[in-house]
Amino acid sequence: MPAIFFAAVYGGYFGGALGVILIAVLSLCTHDRLVRLNAKRLSSLQRYGALTGAKRILTSRTEAPPSG
């Protein structure tokens, strides 16, 4: 779903209200109950958080302190 992708980009950039935006996007795109939408939101947030954490670990540089 492209709408969830753009909501995740917004939440990643501004860092706030991603949960509210995802609930709104999911409620517009699907016709599930709020409990199921909240579960979908939490699972997608966990996936995006895991991917972001993995990216940060893989792309971060560690620098040794200067010796001397």
C-alpha atoms as a PDB file:
ATOM      1  CA  MET A   1       0.000   0.000   0.000  1.00  0.00           C
ATOM      2  CA  PRO A   2       1.600   3.248  -1.081  1.00  0.00           C
ATOM      3  CA  ALA A   3      -0.358   5.229   1.516  1.00  0.00           C
ATOM      4  CA  ILE A   4       1.288   3.320   4.372  1.00  0.00           C
ATOM      5  CA  PHE A   5       4.701   3.914   2.795  1.00  0.00           C
ATOM      6  CA  PHE A   6       4.103   7.679   2.610  1.00  0.00           C
ATOM      7  CA  ALA A   7       2.759   7.689   6.172  1.00  0.00           C
ATOM      8  CA  ALA A   8       5.930   5.914   7.308  1.00  0.00           C
ATOM      9  CA  VAL A   9       8.106   8.429   5.466  1.00  0.00           C
ATOM     10  CA  TYR A  10       6.209  11.274   7.135  1.00  0.00           C
ATOM     11  CA  GLY A  11       6.549   9.636  10.554  1.00  0.00           C
ATOM     12  CA  GLY A  12      10.238   8.968   9.997  1.00  0.00           C
ATOM     13  CA  TYR A  13      10.920  12.542   8.974  1.00  0.00           C
ATOM     14  CA  PHE A  14       8.889  14.360  11.605  1.00  0.00           C
ATOM     15  CA  GLY A  15       9.023  11.621  14.249  1.00  0.00           C
ATOM     16  CA  GLY A  16       5.553  12.131  15.617  1.00  0.00           C
ATOM     17  CA  ALA A  17       1.920  11.105  15.272  1.00  0.00           C
ATOM     18  CA  LEU A  18       2.743   8.113  13.074  1.00  0.00           C
ATOM     19  CA  GLY A  19       0.340   5.889  14.984  1.00  0.00           C
ATOM     20  CA  VAL A  20      -2.561   8.255  14.476  1.00  0.00           C
ATOM     21  CA  ILE A  21      -1.777   8.649  10.785  1.00  0.00           C
ATOM     22  CA  LEU A  22      -1.504   4.891  10.270  1.00  0.00           C
ATOM     23  CA  ILE A  23      -4.850   4.283  11.998  1.00  0.00           C
ATOM     24  CA  ALA A  24      -6.432   6.916   9.734  1.00  0.00           C
ATOM     25  CA  VAL A  25      -4.889   5.435   6.568  1.00  0.00           C
ATOM     26  CA  LEU A  26      -5.848   1.882   7.519  1.00  0.00           C
ATOM     27  CA  SER A  27      -9.402   2.903   8.393  1.00  0.00           C
ATOM     28  CA  LEU A  28      -9.781   4.570   5.004  1.00  0.00           C
ATOM     29  CA  CYS A  29      -8.304   1.640   3.076  1.00  0.00           C
ATOM     30  CA  THR A  30      -9.901  -1.271   4.934  1.00  0.00           C
ATOM     31  CA  HIS A  31     -13.182  -1.925   6.653  1.00  0.00           C
ATOM     32  CA  ASP A  32     -11.939  -3.727   9.763  1.00  0.00           C
ATOM     33  CA  ARG A  33     -12.705  -3.070  13.393  1.00  0.00           C
ATOM     34  CA  LEU A  34     -10.520  -0.673  15.345  1.00  0.00           C
ATOM     35  CA  VAL A  35      -8.946  -3.515  17.354  1.00  0.00           C
ATOM     36  CA  ARG A  36      -7.713  -5.227  14.169  1.00  0.00           C
ATOM     37  CA  LEU A  37      -6.515  -1.924  12.720  1.00  0.00           C
ATOM     38  CA  ASN A  38      -4.525  -1.238  15.866  1.00  0.00           C
ATOM     39  CA  ALA A  39      -2.904  -4.685  15.640  1.00  0.00           C
ATOM     40  CA  LYS A  40      -1.987  -4.051  11.998  1.00  0.00           C
ATOM     41  CA  ARG A  41      -0.565  -0.674  12.961  1.00  0.00           C
ATOM     42  CA  LEU A  42       1.578  -2.152  15.719  1.00  0.00           C
ATOM     43  CA  SER A  43       2.928  -4.898  13.477  1.00  0.00           C
ATOM     44  CA  SER A  44       3.818  -2.430  10.735  1.00  0.00           C
ATOM     45  CA  LEU A  45       5.526  -0.128  13.248  1.00  0.00           C
ATOM     46  CA  GLN A  46       7.575  -3.063  14.521  1.00  0.00           C
ATOM     47  CA  ARG A  47       8.613  -3.985  10.981  1.00  0.00           C
ATOM     48  CA  TYR A  48       9.612  -0.438  10.104  1.00  0.00           C
ATOM     49  CA  GLY A  49      11.465  -0.073  13.399  1.00  0.00           C
ATOM     50  CA  ALA A  50      13.382  -3.302  12.823  1.00  0.00           C
ATOM     51  CA  LEU A  51      14.296  -2.267   9.280  1.00  0.00           C
ATOM     52  CA  THR A  52      15.415   1.160  10.434  1.00  0.00           C
ATOM     53  CA  GLY A  53      17.492  -0.311  13.232  1.00  0.00           C
ATOM     54  CA  ALA A  54      19.121  -2.824  10.898  1.00  0.00           C
ATOM     55  CA  LYS A  55      19.929  -0.088   8.406  1.00  0.00           C
ATOM     56  CA  ARG A  56      21.481   2.070  11.105  1.00  0.00           C
ATOM     57  CA  ILE A  57      23.605  -0.808  12.385  1.00  0.00           C
ATOM     58  CA  LEU A  58      24.770  -1.777   8.910  1.00  0.00           C
ATOM     59  CA  THR A  59      25.582   1.741   7.735  1.00  0.00           C
ATOM     60  CA  SER A  60      27.049   3.267  10.893  1.00  0.00           C
ATOM     61  CA  ARG A  61      30.744   3.818  11.188  1.00  0.00           C
ATOM     62  CA  THR A  62      32.658   3.264  14.337  1.00  0.00           C
ATOM     63  CA  GLU A  63      35.735   5.339  14.838  1.00  0.00           C
ATOM     64  CA  ALA A  64      38.534   4.424  17.191  1.00  0.00           C
ATOM     65  CA  PRO A  65      39.567   7.121  19.654  1.00  0.00           C
ATOM     66  CA  PRO A  66      42.837   8.791  18.817  1.00  0.00           C
ATOM     67  CA  SER A  67      45.798   7.056  20.365  1.00  0.00           C
ATOM     68  CA  GLY A  68      48.441   8.966  21.931  1.00  0.00           C
END
